[in-house]
Each structure stands twice: as C-alpha cells, then as structure tokens.
C-alpha cells in the first residue's frame, strides 16, 4: 500500500472523533493526488463517498467535497463524460451551501 494512502486512511478514520480531520483528509488528497496510483485513489474516494452517503444526518459539505474528489478522479482516469456529471452534482451541492470556494473548485 502506498504510504500516502495509509496517511489518508488514518485521517479518514479520525473523522468521527475530530470533524476537522475530514477537511485535513481532503487537503491531503489534493496534495498527494499526482503521487497516488489511480486505482488506490479511486478506491479511497469510493469508500469516502459510500461513508458520507450513509451518514445520518447527511453532512452536505462533506458530501460536496467527496463528490468533487470523485469527479476529479474520474477526470484523471480519462472518464470525461462521467466526470462532468459528477462535477455538476458537486457544483449543485456547493451552490446549495452557498460555498463560493467550492463552486470555484468545481469549475477549475
């Protein structure tokens, strides 16, 4: 397993104890994105998406971030059509939150 994946998994597992860990998880994901094998990054983002989708109540900010990450990964996998629909969903979530930085991140 790639060392960055281990670090990401550690941050992700801390999210229930420390809500700020989720933000740190995404910060680290963006930083390490070019270093990670795509297959491992896909697996990590799919797991994060599954966990965020199952949270009750749903944390829309976390869901928007993980949706953005999923679209980002799809784009880098060459799945451009799918990435556009995923990123449109992320933009919708950031718009509902009135999160301008999130909206800008999606449009990059």
N, C-alpha and C. Protein backbone atom coordinates (compact mmCIF):
# COMPACT_ATOMS: atom_id res chain seq x y z
N UNK A 1 0.85 -1.18 0.00
CA UNK A 1 0.00 0.00 0.00
C UNK A 1 0.89 1.24 0.00
N UNK A 2 0.51 2.21 -0.79
CA UNK A 2 1.23 3.47 -0.88
C UNK A 2 1.18 4.19 0.48
N UNK A 3 2.31 4.76 0.94
CA UNK A 3 2.34 5.44 2.25
C UNK A 3 1.33 6.59 2.36
N UNK A 4 1.07 7.29 1.26
CA UNK A 4 0.09 8.38 1.31
C UNK A 4 -1.32 7.84 1.54
N UNK A 5 -1.61 6.64 1.02
CA UNK A 5 -2.92 6.03 1.24
C UNK A 5 -3.08 5.72 2.73
N UNK A 6 -2.03 5.22 3.35
CA UNK A 6 -2.08 4.95 4.79
C UNK A 6 -2.38 6.22 5.57
N UNK A 7 -1.73 7.31 5.19
CA UNK A 7 -1.96 8.60 5.85
C UNK A 7 -3.41 9.06 5.64
N UNK A 8 -3.90 8.92 4.41
CA UNK A 8 -5.28 9.31 4.11
C UNK A 8 -6.27 8.46 4.89
N UNK A 9 -6.03 7.17 4.96
CA UNK A 9 -6.93 6.29 5.72
C UNK A 9 -6.95 6.66 7.19
N UNK A 10 -5.80 7.04 7.72
CA UNK A 10 -5.74 7.48 9.12
C UNK A 10 -6.57 8.72 9.36
N UNK A 11 -6.43 9.71 8.48
CA UNK A 11 -7.22 10.94 8.61
C UNK A 11 -8.71 10.64 8.45
N UNK A 12 -9.04 9.78 7.49
CA UNK A 12 -10.45 9.46 7.25
C UNK A 12 -11.06 8.76 8.46
N UNK A 13 -10.31 7.86 9.09
CA UNK A 13 -10.85 7.13 10.24
C UNK A 13 -11.05 8.03 11.45
N UNK A 14 -10.34 9.16 11.50
CA UNK A 14 -10.47 10.09 12.62
C UNK A 14 -11.66 11.03 12.49
N UNK A 15 -12.35 11.00 11.36
CA UNK A 15 -13.40 11.98 11.10
C UNK A 15 -14.54 11.97 12.11
N UNK A 16 -14.84 10.81 12.71
CA UNK A 16 -15.93 10.75 13.67
C UNK A 16 -15.51 11.33 15.02
N UNK A 17 -14.24 11.24 15.34
CA UNK A 17 -13.71 11.78 16.59
C UNK A 17 -13.45 13.27 16.46
N UNK A 18 -12.87 13.64 15.32
CA UNK A 18 -12.48 15.03 15.07
C UNK A 18 -13.00 15.46 13.71
N UNK A 19 -14.10 16.24 13.68
CA UNK A 19 -14.68 16.65 12.40
C UNK A 19 -13.69 17.39 11.49
N UNK A 20 -12.69 18.05 12.06
CA UNK A 20 -11.70 18.76 11.25
C UNK A 20 -10.83 17.78 10.46
N UNK A 21 -10.79 16.53 10.88
CA UNK A 21 -9.97 15.54 10.19
C UNK A 21 -10.48 15.31 8.77
N UNK A 22 -11.77 15.51 8.54
CA UNK A 22 -12.32 15.31 7.19
C UNK A 22 -11.76 16.36 6.25
N UNK A 23 -11.68 17.60 6.71
CA UNK A 23 -11.07 18.65 5.91
C UNK A 23 -9.60 18.36 5.64
N UNK A 24 -8.90 17.88 6.66
CA UNK A 24 -7.48 17.53 6.52
C UNK A 24 -7.32 16.37 5.53
N UNK A 25 -8.27 15.44 5.55
CA UNK A 25 -8.26 14.31 4.61
C UNK A 25 -8.30 14.84 3.17
N UNK A 26 -9.21 15.77 2.89
CA UNK A 26 -9.33 16.30 1.53
C UNK A 26 -8.14 17.17 1.15
N UNK A 27 -7.64 17.95 2.10
CA UNK A 27 -6.43 18.74 1.81
C UNK A 27 -5.29 17.81 1.39
N UNK A 28 -5.10 16.74 2.14
CA UNK A 28 -4.04 15.79 1.84
C UNK A 28 -4.29 15.05 0.53
N UNK A 29 -5.56 14.77 0.25
CA UNK A 29 -5.92 14.10 -1.01
C UNK A 29 -5.50 14.96 -2.20
N UNK A 30 -5.76 16.27 -2.15
CA UNK A 30 -5.39 17.16 -3.26
C UNK A 30 -3.88 17.25 -3.38
N UNK A 31 -3.19 17.33 -2.25
CA UNK A 31 -1.74 17.45 -2.27
C UNK A 31 -1.09 16.20 -2.88
N UNK A 32 -1.60 15.04 -2.51
CA UNK A 32 -0.99 13.78 -2.92
C UNK A 32 -1.53 13.23 -4.24
N UNK A 33 -2.49 13.88 -4.83
CA UNK A 33 -3.21 13.33 -5.98
C UNK A 33 -2.30 12.84 -7.11
N UNK A 34 -1.29 13.60 -7.44
CA UNK A 34 -0.43 13.20 -8.56
C UNK A 34 0.54 12.09 -8.19
N UNK A 35 0.70 11.84 -6.89
CA UNK A 35 1.63 10.81 -6.44
C UNK A 35 0.98 9.44 -6.27
N UNK A 36 -0.34 9.44 -6.17
CA UNK A 36 -1.05 8.20 -5.86
C UNK A 36 -1.40 7.39 -7.10
N UNK A 37 -1.30 6.09 -6.99
CA UNK A 37 -1.81 5.24 -8.08
C UNK A 37 -3.31 5.47 -8.22
N UNK A 38 -3.79 5.63 -9.46
CA UNK A 38 -5.21 5.93 -9.70
C UNK A 38 -6.14 4.89 -9.08
N UNK A 39 -5.75 3.63 -9.16
CA UNK A 39 -6.61 2.57 -8.62
C UNK A 39 -6.82 2.75 -7.12
N UNK A 40 -5.75 3.08 -6.40
CA UNK A 40 -5.87 3.28 -4.95
C UNK A 40 -6.64 4.56 -4.64
N UNK A 41 -6.44 5.58 -5.45
CA UNK A 41 -7.18 6.83 -5.23
C UNK A 41 -8.67 6.61 -5.50
N UNK A 42 -9.01 5.85 -6.54
CA UNK A 42 -10.41 5.54 -6.83
C UNK A 42 -11.03 4.79 -5.65
N UNK A 43 -10.31 3.80 -5.16
CA UNK A 43 -10.82 3.00 -4.04
C UNK A 43 -11.05 3.89 -2.81
N UNK A 44 -10.12 4.81 -2.54
CA UNK A 44 -10.25 5.71 -1.38
C UNK A 44 -11.44 6.65 -1.54
N UNK A 45 -11.61 7.24 -2.72
CA UNK A 45 -12.72 8.17 -2.91
C UNK A 45 -14.06 7.43 -2.93
N UNK A 46 -14.11 6.23 -3.48
CA UNK A 46 -15.35 5.45 -3.45
C UNK A 46 -15.74 5.10 -2.02
N UNK A 47 -14.75 4.75 -1.21
CA UNK A 47 -15.02 4.43 0.20
C UNK A 47 -15.53 5.67 0.94
N UNK A 48 -14.89 6.81 0.70
CA UNK A 48 -15.31 8.06 1.33
C UNK A 48 -16.73 8.44 0.90
N UNK A 49 -17.03 8.26 -0.38
CA UNK A 49 -18.37 8.57 -0.90
C UNK A 49 -19.42 7.67 -0.25
N UNK A 50 -19.11 6.40 -0.14
CA UNK A 50 -20.03 5.44 0.49
C UNK A 50 -20.28 5.82 1.95
N UNK A 51 -19.22 6.14 2.68
CA UNK A 51 -19.37 6.50 4.10
C UNK A 51 -20.15 7.80 4.28
N UNK A 52 -19.85 8.79 3.45
CA UNK A 52 -20.55 10.08 3.55
C UNK A 52 -22.03 9.94 3.20
N UNK A 53 -22.32 9.11 2.21
CA UNK A 53 -23.72 8.90 1.80
C UNK A 53 -24.53 8.23 2.89
N UNK A 54 -23.87 7.43 3.73
CA UNK A 54 -24.57 6.68 4.77
C UNK A 54 -24.72 7.46 6.07
N UNK A 55 -24.06 8.61 6.19
CA UNK A 55 -24.14 9.38 7.43
C UNK A 55 -25.54 9.94 7.65
N UNK A 56 -25.99 9.83 8.88
CA UNK A 56 -27.28 10.41 9.27
C UNK A 56 -27.03 11.29 10.48
N UNK A 57 -27.31 12.58 10.40
CA UNK A 57 -27.80 13.29 9.21
C UNK A 57 -26.67 13.46 8.20
N UNK A 58 -27.06 13.64 6.96
CA UNK A 58 -26.10 13.84 5.87
C UNK A 58 -25.37 15.16 6.06
N UNK A 59 -24.07 15.12 6.01
CA UNK A 59 -23.26 16.33 6.08
C UNK A 59 -23.03 16.79 4.64
N UNK A 60 -23.76 17.82 4.22
CA UNK A 60 -23.71 18.25 2.81
C UNK A 60 -22.33 18.76 2.42
N UNK A 61 -21.63 19.39 3.33
CA UNK A 61 -20.28 19.88 3.00
C UNK A 61 -19.36 18.71 2.68
N UNK A 62 -19.38 17.70 3.54
CA UNK A 62 -18.54 16.52 3.30
C UNK A 62 -18.95 15.83 2.00
N UNK A 63 -20.26 15.76 1.78
CA UNK A 63 -20.76 15.12 0.56
C UNK A 63 -20.31 15.89 -0.68
N UNK A 64 -20.34 17.21 -0.60
CA UNK A 64 -19.89 18.03 -1.73
C UNK A 64 -18.40 17.80 -1.99
N UNK A 65 -17.61 17.76 -0.93
CA UNK A 65 -16.17 17.55 -1.08
C UNK A 65 -15.86 16.18 -1.68
N UNK A 66 -16.52 15.15 -1.18
CA UNK A 66 -16.23 13.80 -1.69
C UNK A 66 -16.75 13.64 -3.12
N UNK A 67 -17.83 14.31 -3.47
CA UNK A 67 -18.32 14.27 -4.84
C UNK A 67 -17.34 14.97 -5.77
N UNK A 68 -16.80 16.10 -5.33
CA UNK A 68 -15.77 16.80 -6.09
C UNK A 68 -14.57 15.88 -6.30
N UNK A 69 -14.14 15.20 -5.25
CA UNK A 69 -12.99 14.29 -5.35
C UNK A 69 -13.27 13.16 -6.33
N UNK A 70 -14.48 12.63 -6.29
CA UNK A 70 -14.85 11.54 -7.19
C UNK A 70 -14.82 12.00 -8.65
N UNK A 71 -15.31 13.21 -8.90
CA UNK A 71 -15.27 13.77 -10.25
C UNK A 71 -13.84 14.02 -10.71
N UNK A 72 -13.02 14.48 -9.80
CA UNK A 72 -11.61 14.73 -10.09
C UNK A 72 -10.91 13.43 -10.49
N UNK A 73 -11.18 12.37 -9.74
CA UNK A 73 -10.57 11.07 -10.04
C UNK A 73 -11.07 10.55 -11.39
N UNK A 74 -12.38 10.66 -11.63
CA UNK A 74 -12.92 10.20 -12.92
C UNK A 74 -12.26 10.93 -14.09
N UNK A 75 -12.05 12.24 -13.92
CA UNK A 75 -11.39 13.01 -14.97
C UNK A 75 -9.98 12.48 -15.23
N UNK A 76 -9.24 12.23 -14.17
CA UNK A 76 -7.86 11.75 -14.31
C UNK A 76 -7.78 10.30 -14.77
N UNK A 77 -8.89 9.59 -14.68
CA UNK A 77 -8.94 8.24 -15.23
C UNK A 77 -9.30 8.26 -16.72
N UNK A 78 -9.61 9.45 -17.24
CA UNK A 78 -9.99 9.58 -18.64
C UNK A 78 -11.47 9.38 -18.89
N UNK A 79 -12.26 9.30 -17.82
CA UNK A 79 -13.71 9.11 -17.93
C UNK A 79 -14.37 10.50 -17.91
N UNK A 80 -14.14 11.25 -18.99
CA UNK A 80 -14.53 12.66 -19.02
C UNK A 80 -16.04 12.88 -18.95
N UNK A 81 -16.81 12.07 -19.64
CA UNK A 81 -18.27 12.23 -19.62
C UNK A 81 -18.81 12.03 -18.20
N UNK A 82 -18.38 10.97 -17.55
CA UNK A 82 -18.83 10.70 -16.19
C UNK A 82 -18.34 11.78 -15.22
N UNK A 83 -17.11 12.24 -15.43
CA UNK A 83 -16.59 13.28 -14.53
C UNK A 83 -17.43 14.54 -14.60
N UNK A 84 -17.91 14.89 -15.80
CA UNK A 84 -18.74 16.09 -15.93
C UNK A 84 -20.04 15.98 -15.14
N UNK A 85 -20.69 14.81 -15.18
CA UNK A 85 -21.94 14.67 -14.44
C UNK A 85 -21.69 14.64 -12.93
N UNK A 86 -20.59 14.04 -12.51
CA UNK A 86 -20.25 14.02 -11.08
C UNK A 86 -19.93 15.43 -10.61
N UNK A 87 -19.15 16.16 -11.39
CA UNK A 87 -18.78 17.52 -11.00
C UNK A 87 -19.99 18.45 -11.02
N UNK A 88 -20.96 18.21 -11.90
CA UNK A 88 -22.20 19.00 -11.89
C UNK A 88 -22.95 18.79 -10.58
N UNK A 89 -22.95 17.55 -10.09
CA UNK A 89 -23.59 17.26 -8.80
C UNK A 89 -22.84 17.96 -7.67
N UNK A 90 -21.51 17.95 -7.72
CA UNK A 90 -20.72 18.65 -6.70
C UNK A 90 -21.02 20.14 -6.72
N UNK A 91 -21.12 20.69 -7.92
CA UNK A 91 -21.43 22.13 -8.03
C UNK A 91 -22.80 22.44 -7.44
N UNK A 92 -23.75 21.57 -7.69
CA UNK A 92 -25.10 21.74 -7.13
C UNK A 92 -25.05 21.74 -5.60
N UNK A 93 -24.29 20.80 -5.04
CA UNK A 93 -24.18 20.73 -3.58
C UNK A 93 -23.50 21.97 -3.01
N UNK A 94 -22.41 22.42 -3.65
CA UNK A 94 -21.74 23.63 -3.18
C UNK A 94 -22.64 24.85 -3.33
N UNK A 95 -23.45 24.89 -4.39
CA UNK A 95 -24.40 26.00 -4.57
C UNK A 95 -25.43 26.03 -3.46
N UNK A 96 -25.96 24.86 -3.10
CA UNK A 96 -26.93 24.78 -2.00
C UNK A 96 -26.32 25.29 -0.69
N UNK A 97 -25.02 25.06 -0.52
CA UNK A 97 -24.32 25.51 0.69
C UNK A 97 -23.87 26.96 0.60
N UNK A 98 -24.04 27.56 -0.59
CA UNK A 98 -23.55 28.92 -0.85
C UNK A 98 -22.05 29.01 -0.59
N UNK A 99 -21.35 27.96 -0.99
CA UNK A 99 -19.90 27.85 -0.81
C UNK A 99 -19.21 28.26 -2.11
N UNK A 100 -18.82 29.52 -2.18
CA UNK A 100 -18.22 30.04 -3.41
C UNK A 100 -16.89 29.38 -3.73
N UNK A 101 -16.08 29.09 -2.72
CA UNK A 101 -14.81 28.42 -2.98
C UNK A 101 -15.02 27.04 -3.57
N UNK A 102 -16.04 26.32 -3.07
CA UNK A 102 -16.37 25.01 -3.62
C UNK A 102 -16.82 25.11 -5.06
N UNK A 103 -17.65 26.10 -5.35
CA UNK A 103 -18.13 26.31 -6.71
C UNK A 103 -16.94 26.61 -7.64
N UNK A 104 -16.03 27.46 -7.18
CA UNK A 104 -14.84 27.75 -7.99
C UNK A 104 -13.99 26.51 -8.20
N UNK A 105 -13.85 25.69 -7.16
CA UNK A 105 -13.04 24.46 -7.27
C UNK A 105 -13.60 23.53 -8.34
N UNK A 106 -14.91 23.45 -8.41
CA UNK A 106 -15.55 22.57 -9.40
C UNK A 106 -15.31 23.10 -10.82
N UNK A 107 -15.29 24.40 -10.99
CA UNK A 107 -15.17 24.96 -12.33
C UNK A 107 -13.74 24.97 -12.86
N UNK A 108 -12.78 24.65 -12.01
CA UNK A 108 -11.38 24.63 -12.46
C UNK A 108 -11.17 23.44 -13.25
